[in-house]
Protein backbone atom coordinates (compact mmCIF):
# COMPACT_ATOMS: atom_id res chain seq x y z
CA MET A 1 109.36 142.13 56.10
CA ASN A 2 108.14 140.09 59.05
CA HIS A 3 106.53 142.15 61.80
CA ILE A 4 107.15 140.75 65.30
CA ALA A 5 105.39 142.15 68.35
CA ILE A 6 106.94 141.45 71.75
CA ILE A 7 105.01 141.82 75.00
CA GLY A 8 107.41 142.75 77.78
CA GLY A 9 110.79 144.48 77.86
CA GLY A 10 112.61 142.39 80.46
CA PRO A 11 115.65 140.16 79.80
CA GLY A 12 113.57 137.84 77.64
CA GLY A 13 111.69 140.47 75.70
CA TYR A 14 114.40 143.01 74.93
CA VAL A 15 116.89 140.30 73.91
CA ALA A 16 114.26 138.75 71.63
CA ALA A 17 113.63 142.20 70.14
CA ILE A 18 117.31 142.83 69.40
CA ARG A 19 117.85 139.34 67.94
CA ALA A 20 114.74 139.59 65.74
CA ALA A 21 115.87 142.99 64.49
CA GLN A 22 119.32 141.59 63.71
CA LEU A 23 117.61 138.97 61.56
CA GLY A 24 115.72 141.63 59.60
CA ALA A 25 112.37 141.82 61.34
CA GLN A 26 110.28 144.90 61.93
CA VAL A 27 109.96 144.79 65.73
CA THR A 28 107.47 146.43 68.09
CA LEU A 29 108.19 146.07 71.80
CA ILE A 30 105.43 146.87 74.30
CA GLU A 31 106.49 147.45 77.93
CA LYS A 32 104.12 148.74 80.62
CA GLU A 33 106.72 149.80 83.19
CA LYS A 34 110.51 150.03 82.85
CA LEU A 35 112.75 148.49 80.22
CA GLY A 36 114.91 145.78 81.72
CA GLY A 37 112.02 144.28 83.65
CA THR A 38 112.29 142.84 87.14
CA CYS A 39 115.96 141.91 86.78
CA LEU A 40 117.38 145.34 86.01
CA ASN A 41 114.98 147.38 88.12
CA VAL A 42 113.82 145.42 91.18
CA GLY A 43 115.61 142.08 90.98
CA CYS A 44 119.04 140.71 90.25
CA ILE A 45 120.91 143.94 89.52
CA PRO A 46 119.82 146.03 92.55
CA THR A 47 120.09 142.97 94.81
CA LYS A 48 123.65 142.34 93.69
CA ALA A 49 124.49 146.02 94.11
CA LEU A 50 123.43 145.81 97.76
CA LEU A 51 125.30 142.53 98.17
CA HIS A 52 128.46 144.10 96.77
CA SER A 53 128.20 147.02 99.19
CA ALA A 54 127.72 144.54 102.04
CA GLU A 55 130.71 142.50 100.86
CA VAL A 56 132.98 145.56 100.75
CA LEU A 57 131.77 146.60 104.23
CA THR A 58 132.59 143.16 105.63
CA GLU A 59 136.02 143.15 103.99
CA ALA A 60 136.74 146.57 105.48
CA LYS A 61 135.73 145.35 108.94
CA ASN A 62 138.09 142.38 108.57
CA SER A 63 140.94 144.36 107.01
CA ALA A 64 143.14 144.20 110.13
CA LYS A 65 143.61 140.48 109.50
CA ILE A 66 145.74 141.28 106.45
CA GLY A 67 147.53 144.26 107.97
CA LEU A 68 145.33 147.09 106.73
CA VAL A 69 144.32 149.66 109.33
CA ILE A 70 141.00 151.37 108.65
CA PRO A 71 140.27 153.54 111.70
CA GLU A 72 136.52 153.78 111.26
CA VAL A 73 134.26 151.53 109.21
CA GLY A 74 130.65 152.44 108.66
CA TYR A 75 128.10 153.02 105.93
CA ASP A 76 125.70 155.62 104.57
CA TRP A 77 122.49 153.74 103.72
CA LYS A 78 121.12 156.60 101.62
CA LYS A 79 124.23 156.63 99.42
CA ILE A 80 124.16 152.83 99.14
CA GLN A 81 120.58 153.08 97.86
CA GLN A 82 121.58 155.85 95.45
CA HIS A 83 124.45 153.73 94.13
CA LYS A 84 122.08 150.81 93.60
CA ASP A 85 119.53 152.97 91.78
CA LYS A 86 122.23 154.61 89.64
CA ILE A 87 123.39 151.23 88.34
CA SER A 88 119.86 150.09 87.51
CA THR A 89 119.08 153.39 85.77
CA LYS A 90 122.28 153.24 83.73
CA LEU A 91 121.70 149.66 82.60
CA ALA A 92 118.04 150.32 81.76
CA GLY A 93 119.13 153.33 79.72
CA GLY A 94 121.64 151.12 77.94
CA VAL A 95 118.88 148.69 77.02
CA LYS A 96 116.80 151.53 75.57
CA GLY A 97 119.78 152.69 73.55
CA LEU A 98 120.44 149.22 72.19
CA LEU A 99 116.81 148.77 71.17
CA LYS A 100 116.77 152.10 69.35
CA ALA A 101 120.12 151.37 67.69
CA ASN A 102 118.59 148.18 66.32
CA GLY A 103 115.52 149.97 65.02
CA VAL A 104 113.05 148.53 67.52
CA ASN A 105 109.83 150.51 67.96
CA ILE A 106 109.22 150.86 71.70
CA ILE A 107 105.69 151.47 72.99
CA ALA A 108 105.14 152.38 76.63
CA GLY A 109 101.90 150.63 77.45
CA THR A 110 100.12 147.29 77.62
CA ALA A 111 99.14 144.63 75.11
CA GLN A 112 96.13 142.34 75.26
CA PHE A 113 95.11 139.54 72.91
CA LEU A 114 91.79 140.14 71.19
CA SER A 115 92.20 136.92 69.23
CA ASN A 116 94.97 134.53 68.23
CA GLU A 117 96.32 137.10 65.77
CA VAL A 118 95.27 140.54 67.04
CA LEU A 119 96.68 142.60 69.91
CA LEU A 120 95.01 145.59 71.50
CA VAL A 121 97.79 148.00 72.49
CA THR A 122 96.98 150.68 75.05
CA GLU A 123 99.65 153.36 75.38
CA ALA A 124 100.42 155.14 78.64
CA SER A 125 98.67 158.22 77.19
CA GLY A 126 95.47 156.21 76.81
CA LYS A 127 95.69 155.93 73.05
CA THR A 128 94.71 152.49 71.72
CA ASP A 129 95.56 150.66 68.54
CA GLU A 130 95.14 147.17 67.12
CA LEU A 131 98.22 145.31 65.91
CA ARG A 132 98.19 142.35 63.54
CA PRO A 133 101.83 141.24 63.58
CA ASP A 134 103.09 138.18 61.76
CA LYS A 135 104.49 136.72 64.97
CA ILE A 136 104.05 137.47 68.68
CA ILE A 137 106.48 136.75 71.51
CA ILE A 138 105.11 136.87 75.06
CA ALA A 139 107.66 137.89 77.69
CA SER A 140 105.36 139.22 80.40
CA GLY A 141 107.53 138.16 83.33
CA SER A 142 106.48 137.33 86.88
CA LEU A 143 105.28 138.72 90.20
CA PRO A 144 106.25 137.90 93.80
CA ALA A 145 104.10 135.04 95.11
CA LEU A 146 102.18 135.57 98.34
CA PRO A 147 101.24 132.53 100.45
CA PRO A 148 97.76 132.30 102.05
CA ILE A 149 99.01 133.24 105.52
CA PRO A 150 96.74 135.33 107.78
CA GLY A 151 98.15 138.84 108.22
CA ILE A 152 100.56 138.63 105.29
CA ASP A 153 99.00 141.75 103.74
CA HIS A 154 100.21 144.06 106.56
CA PRO A 155 102.24 147.09 105.33
CA ASN A 156 105.28 145.86 107.27
CA CYS A 157 105.25 142.61 105.28
CA LEU A 158 107.46 143.20 102.28
CA ASP A 159 108.05 141.43 99.00
CA SER A 160 111.49 141.40 97.39
CA THR A 161 110.82 144.74 95.67
CA GLY A 162 110.00 146.43 98.98
CA ALA A 163 113.05 144.91 100.67
CA LEU A 164 115.31 146.60 98.11
CA SER A 165 114.09 150.11 98.82
CA LEU A 166 113.80 150.36 102.61
CA ASP A 167 114.66 153.82 103.93
CA HIS A 168 116.70 152.31 106.76
CA VAL A 169 118.21 149.01 107.84
CA PRO A 170 115.71 147.29 110.14
CA GLU A 171 116.96 146.26 113.56
CA ARG A 172 115.22 142.89 113.21
CA LEU A 173 114.14 141.21 110.00
CA VAL A 174 112.15 137.99 109.65
CA ILE A 175 112.36 136.30 106.25
CA ILE A 176 109.77 133.75 105.19
CA GLY A 177 111.47 131.46 102.68
CA GLY A 178 114.96 130.01 102.45
CA GLY A 179 115.27 129.99 98.69
CA VAL A 180 117.59 132.19 96.62
CA ILE A 181 115.84 135.50 97.36
CA GLY A 182 115.53 134.73 101.05
CA VAL A 183 119.15 133.77 101.68
CA GLU A 184 120.52 136.62 99.55
CA MET A 185 118.46 139.17 101.47
CA ALA A 186 119.46 137.51 104.73
CA SER A 187 123.11 137.89 103.73
CA VAL A 188 122.64 141.56 102.81
CA TYR A 189 120.88 142.72 105.93
CA ASN A 190 122.93 140.57 108.28
CA GLN A 191 126.11 142.25 107.03
CA PHE A 192 124.53 145.67 107.56
CA GLY A 193 123.71 144.79 111.16
CA SER A 194 120.13 143.44 111.19
CA LYS A 195 119.22 140.55 113.41
CA VAL A 196 117.91 138.20 110.72
CA THR A 197 115.75 135.10 111.16
CA VAL A 198 114.96 132.88 108.17
CA VAL A 199 111.97 130.54 108.35
CA GLU A 200 111.97 127.72 105.79
CA MET A 201 109.42 124.90 105.53
CA GLN A 202 111.82 122.48 103.80
CA PRO A 203 114.46 120.48 105.75
CA GLY A 204 117.21 122.72 104.37
CA ILE A 205 117.77 126.00 102.54
CA LEU A 206 118.08 126.24 98.75
CA PRO A 207 116.30 122.92 98.13
CA LEU A 208 117.07 122.88 94.40
CA MET A 209 120.83 123.25 94.87
CA ASP A 210 123.41 120.60 95.81
CA GLY A 211 122.51 119.50 99.34
CA GLU A 212 126.04 118.97 100.67
CA LEU A 213 127.19 122.45 99.69
CA GLY A 214 123.85 123.92 100.76
CA GLU A 215 124.42 122.53 104.25
CA MET A 216 127.92 124.04 104.29
CA LEU A 217 126.47 127.43 103.36
CA LEU A 218 123.78 127.14 106.02
CA LYS A 219 126.41 126.53 108.72
CA LYS A 220 128.43 129.53 107.49
CA LEU A 221 125.38 131.81 107.55
CA VAL A 222 124.56 130.65 111.07
CA ARG A 223 128.14 131.37 112.18
CA ASP A 224 127.71 134.85 110.71
CA GLY A 225 124.80 135.41 113.07
CA ILE A 226 121.76 134.55 110.93
CA GLU A 227 119.15 132.40 112.66
CA ILE A 228 117.83 129.78 110.25
CA LEU A 229 114.79 127.70 111.23
CA THR A 230 114.24 124.83 108.78
CA GLY A 231 111.31 122.44 108.84
CA ALA A 232 109.21 125.33 110.17
CA GLN A 233 105.73 126.38 109.04
CA VAL A 234 104.50 129.96 109.27
CA LEU A 235 100.99 130.00 110.76
CA SER A 236 100.24 133.72 110.87
CA VAL A 237 101.65 137.23 110.95
CA GLN A 238 100.25 140.01 113.11
CA ALA A 239 101.20 143.46 114.33
CA ASP A 240 101.87 143.81 118.03
CA ASP A 241 102.50 147.40 119.11
CA SER A 242 105.46 148.58 117.02
CA GLN A 243 106.65 145.13 115.95
CA MET A 244 105.53 142.20 113.83
CA MET A 245 104.93 138.78 115.35
CA VAL A 246 105.38 135.73 113.15
CA LYS A 247 103.81 132.60 114.61
CA ILE A 248 105.49 129.38 113.48
CA LYS A 249 105.18 125.65 114.11
CA LYS A 250 108.42 123.66 114.37
CA ASP A 251 108.85 120.14 115.67
CA GLY A 252 105.21 120.15 116.70
CA ASN A 253 105.56 123.26 118.88
CA ASP A 254 104.20 126.76 118.28
CA SER A 255 106.37 129.81 118.91
CA ASP A 256 106.57 133.51 118.02
CA ILE A 257 109.35 135.42 116.27
CA SER A 258 109.39 139.20 116.44
CA GLY A 259 110.73 141.60 113.85
CA ASP A 260 110.42 145.17 112.64
CA LYS A 261 109.81 143.97 109.09
CA VAL A 262 108.80 140.66 107.53
CA LEU A 263 110.10 139.75 104.08
CA VAL A 264 107.97 137.25 102.17
CA ALA A 265 110.32 135.43 99.82
CA ILE A 266 108.65 132.18 98.83
CA GLY A 267 109.22 132.66 95.11
CA ARG A 268 107.50 134.19 92.11
CA LYS A 269 104.58 133.37 89.82
CA ALA A 270 103.97 133.97 86.13
CA GLU A 271 102.31 137.29 85.32
CA LEU A 272 99.47 136.40 82.95
CA ASN A 273 96.73 138.79 84.11
CA GLY A 274 95.70 141.31 81.51
CA LEU A 275 97.17 139.42 78.55
CA GLY A 276 93.75 138.32 77.34
CA LEU A 277 94.80 134.69 76.97
CA GLU A 278 91.16 133.74 77.48
CA ASN A 279 90.48 135.35 74.08
CA THR A 280 92.86 132.90 72.41
CA THR A 281 93.35 129.15 72.06
CA ILE A 282 96.86 129.35 73.57
CA ASN A 283 97.55 126.47 75.96
CA TRP A 284 98.35 127.61 79.49
CA ASP A 285 97.77 126.40 83.03
CA LYS A 286 98.00 127.75 86.58
CA LYS A 287 101.81 127.71 86.40
CA GLY A 288 102.26 129.50 83.10
CA ILE A 289 102.20 129.36 79.31
CA ILE A 290 103.05 126.01 77.72
CA VAL A 291 105.71 125.93 74.98
CA ASN A 292 107.89 123.41 73.14
CA PRO A 293 111.74 123.48 73.07
CA GLN A 294 111.51 126.03 70.23
CA MET A 295 109.63 128.33 72.66
CA GLN A 296 106.56 128.06 70.45
CA THR A 297 103.07 127.74 71.90
CA ASN A 298 100.45 125.50 70.31
CA LEU A 299 99.84 128.41 67.94
CA GLU A 300 102.26 128.68 65.03
CA ASN A 301 102.47 132.47 65.31
CA VAL A 302 102.87 132.83 69.09
CA TYR A 303 105.96 132.20 71.23
CA ALA A 304 106.57 132.70 74.94
CA VAL A 305 109.77 133.04 76.98
CA GLY A 306 111.05 133.61 80.49
CA ASP A 307 109.16 133.80 83.76
CA CYS A 308 105.70 133.73 82.17
CA LEU A 309 106.30 130.02 81.50
CA GLY A 310 106.28 129.45 85.26
CA LYS A 311 109.35 127.23 85.23
CA THR A 312 112.97 128.35 85.64
CA MET A 313 112.67 132.01 86.60
CA LEU A 314 116.16 133.33 85.90
CA ALA A 315 117.19 136.31 83.78
CA HIS A 316 119.82 134.38 81.83
CA VAL A 317 117.26 131.69 81.01
CA ALA A 318 114.81 134.30 79.74
CA SER A 319 117.49 135.90 77.56
CA GLN A 320 118.50 132.55 76.05
CA GLN A 321 114.87 131.69 75.39
CA GLY A 322 114.32 135.13 73.89
CA GLU A 323 117.06 134.55 71.33
CA ILE A 324 115.66 131.12 70.48
CA ALA A 325 112.12 132.43 70.07
CA ALA A 326 113.28 135.27 67.82
CA GLU A 327 115.34 132.96 65.63
CA ASN A 328 112.51 130.48 65.21
CA ALA A 329 110.00 133.27 64.55
CA MET A 330 112.30 134.33 61.71
CA GLY A 331 112.46 130.88 60.15
CA HIS A 332 115.63 129.56 61.77
CA ALA A 333 115.94 126.33 63.76
CA ALA A 334 116.95 126.67 67.40
CA SER A 335 116.09 124.76 70.59
CA TYR A 336 116.35 125.47 74.30
CA ASP A 337 118.61 123.09 76.26
CA GLU A 338 118.09 123.28 80.03
CA LYS A 339 121.21 121.19 80.68
CA THR A 340 123.63 124.10 80.59
CA ASN A 341 121.60 126.42 82.81
CA PRO A 342 123.62 127.50 85.88
CA SER A 343 121.93 128.41 89.15
CA CYS A 344 123.62 131.16 91.17
CA VAL A 345 123.24 132.41 94.74
CA TYR A 346 125.10 135.63 95.60
CA THR A 347 125.62 135.05 99.29
CA SER A 348 128.93 135.21 101.13
CA PRO A 349 130.40 132.86 100.05
CA GLU A 350 128.78 132.56 96.63
CA PHE A 351 127.09 129.32 95.61
CA ALA A 352 126.61 128.10 92.04
CA GLY A 353 125.80 124.85 90.29
CA VAL A 354 125.03 123.37 86.90
CA GLY A 355 123.91 119.91 85.87
CA LEU A 356 123.11 116.95 88.09
CA THR A 357 123.30 117.23 91.86
CA GLN A 358 124.25 114.42 94.21
CA GLU A 359 120.56 114.14 95.12
CA ALA A 360 119.66 113.62 91.46
CA ILE A 361 121.90 110.54 91.16
CA ARG A 362 120.74 108.99 94.43
CA GLY A 363 120.23 105.26 93.98
CA ASN A 364 122.64 105.17 91.05
CA GLU A 365 125.84 106.21 92.82
CA LYS A 366 127.70 103.20 91.41
CA ASP A 367 127.49 104.79 87.96
CA TYR A 368 129.07 108.10 88.99
CA SER A 369 132.28 109.48 90.47
CA ILE A 370 132.33 112.52 92.75
CA GLY A 371 135.41 114.69 93.10
CA ARG A 372 135.73 117.28 95.85
CA PHE A 373 138.40 119.90 96.40
CA PRO A 374 138.21 122.18 99.46
CA LEU A 375 139.08 125.83 98.97
CA ALA A 376 141.04 125.73 102.22
CA ALA A 377 143.73 124.07 100.07
CA ASN A 378 143.56 126.69 97.30
CA GLY A 379 146.27 129.37 97.30
CA LYS A 380 144.18 132.24 95.92
CA SER A 381 141.37 131.55 98.39
CA LEU A 382 143.90 131.69 101.22
CA ILE A 383 145.26 135.00 99.89
CA MET A 384 141.72 136.40 99.78
CA GLY A 385 140.94 135.06 103.26
CA ASP A 386 137.89 133.34 101.81
CA THR A 387 138.35 129.60 102.24
CA GLU A 388 134.80 128.51 103.03
CA GLY A 389 133.49 125.93 100.58
CA MET A 390 134.64 123.58 97.86
CA VAL A 391 134.40 122.62 94.21
CA LYS A 392 132.48 119.43 93.54
CA ILE A 393 132.39 117.63 90.20
CA ILE A 394 130.13 114.70 89.32
CA SER A 395 131.19 112.56 86.35
CA HIS A 396 129.95 109.39 84.70
CA LYS A 397 132.23 106.48 85.61
CA LYS A 398 131.99 104.68 82.27
CA TYR A 399 132.38 107.60 79.89
CA LYS A 400 134.14 110.07 82.25
CA GLU A 401 131.68 112.73 81.07
CA VAL A 402 131.15 115.69 83.39
CA VAL A 403 127.46 115.79 84.35
CA GLY A 404 127.46 118.22 87.29
CA VAL A 405 129.63 121.02 88.68
CA HIS A 406 128.91 122.72 92.02
CA ILE A 407 130.92 125.48 93.65
CA LEU A 408 130.69 127.13 97.06
CA GLY A 409 133.26 129.84 97.45
CA PRO A 410 134.54 133.23 96.24
CA ARG A 411 133.43 134.16 92.70
CA ALA A 412 131.57 130.86 92.33
CA THR A 413 129.01 132.58 90.10
CA ASP A 414 131.76 133.56 87.66
CA LEU A 415 133.58 130.22 87.78
CA ILE A 416 130.44 128.17 87.08
CA VAL A 417 130.65 129.25 83.44
CA GLU A 418 133.44 126.68 82.97
CA GLY A 419 131.11 124.02 84.31
CA ALA A 420 128.28 125.08 81.99
CA LEU A 421 130.62 124.99 79.00
CA ALA A 422 131.87 121.55 80.04
CA LEU A 423 128.31 120.24 80.01
CA ARG A 424 127.55 121.95 76.70
CA LEU A 425 130.58 120.33 75.04
CA GLU A 426 130.01 116.99 76.81
CA SER A 427 133.53 117.29 78.19
CA THR A 428 135.24 114.50 80.06
CA VAL A 429 137.12 115.02 83.31
CA GLU A 430 140.32 114.31 81.38
CA GLU A 431 139.64 117.28 79.11
CA ILE A 432 139.33 119.55 82.17
CA ILE A 433 142.45 117.97 83.70
CA SER A 434 144.48 118.46 80.52
CA THR A 435 143.42 122.12 80.26
CA ILE A 436 146.00 124.38 81.91
CA HIS A 437 144.40 126.44 84.69
CA ALA A 438 146.17 129.65 85.69
CA HIS A 439 147.93 129.88 89.04
CA PRO A 440 147.16 131.28 91.54
CA THR A 441 143.41 131.33 90.89
CA VAL A 442 140.31 129.96 92.54
CA GLY A 443 139.64 128.33 89.16
CA GLU A 444 142.51 125.89 89.78
CA ALA A 445 140.19 124.14 92.21
CA ILE A 446 138.00 123.06 89.28
CA LYS A 447 140.92 121.10 87.79
CA GLU A 448 141.72 119.65 91.22
CA ALA A 449 138.11 118.52 91.67
CA ALA A 450 138.25 116.87 88.25
CA LEU A 451 141.43 115.08 89.35
CA ALA A 452 139.66 114.06 92.55
CA THR A 453 136.99 112.16 90.58
CA GLU A 454 139.84 109.74 89.81
CA ASN A 455 141.37 109.96 93.30
CA ARG A 456 144.44 111.80 92.02
CA ALA A 457 144.12 115.38 93.27
CA ILE A 458 147.58 116.91 93.54
CA HIS A 459 147.10 119.43 96.32
CA TRP A 460 144.73 117.54 98.60
CA LYS A 461 144.77 114.06 100.04
């Protein structure tokens, strides 16, 4: 029986463990903190729990628009935090149960390479042991990245983990970074009443997402009361009496922004410290561990998945890569295909995309068709009172193949699955058009956007 050791129990590691066990492996999983990793404990799940609470609060405040009278709308921050923690605890417990049900041996502790084949495992109790598994899968995850800004180490400067567990809603919050973490946190705390300022060095927010829809989201967030300063560089952070002062340079001019807390949300970096990679001949660089599409390193017996690669740091990517690594470690043939990876932003409205963006086809527009359908013309969006945004489909003119789907609107992060499947199956716009979409749904807008690539949308001119 093949023995597979897995370093890390996050979405990449625990999924790899379960898949390897399903294929008949003896599996040892080593996790130094909590099962579920960043995502379940201090990342996507608790963030989305706070976002959901904020969304319900906003809907309650706006309930009079649809004839519902709620005399008093407020919130209990302590209970919101308890709700968030309860969900994370339940899901993490579920992961532990699944691992045990699949016969995975879980070790609470750390693992360090002594050589290409040997791991030194140190349990939380201090007990040490050497493992010589047949195969090793590294899923060590990532850490919040801190930029070299003077004063950034002040206790009132938070990373994403700290921002999830504040004991109160700050009156003023300055967020450094307009990527996914930054805009999601801005959306959360704005809805709970904070005065939020986002400082982003790039010309726009969410630079990796579709620019047209990103600009629409930016305008919506600004209308909601969030101040967003793009093209701005943070020079320093310092404490001034009871507040934090963030010095920025924008358009050649220096200015100060004050806040009670400063959230540093410029991204994450691969967590490689303590793995003992220097004791091996594994190829890695300052970004992360280097693998092929089979998730295999340059060593035949070692694989790596998820954030520790330093590339696409998303839980669903790590899980997919974990399955692939486990299958290949057990003698199967599987490859990772980035093409179907959706990116999701859980703001209000939600923003999701998969495949090529309009920016990616720049210079070759003659080869592509772009179909747009505004949600202001969608019946279900009108019913929900959530008409901000659109569905945008990019297709190849010659072959009619769908190469990009981008959605800004309610439940965009759920609807993007249809786009990912379309790319996986190399679907044409005609295949989406000829698929009956239920009415009334927001999903109808996907069919309408497909029709729009051929200038024949039914419900929009």
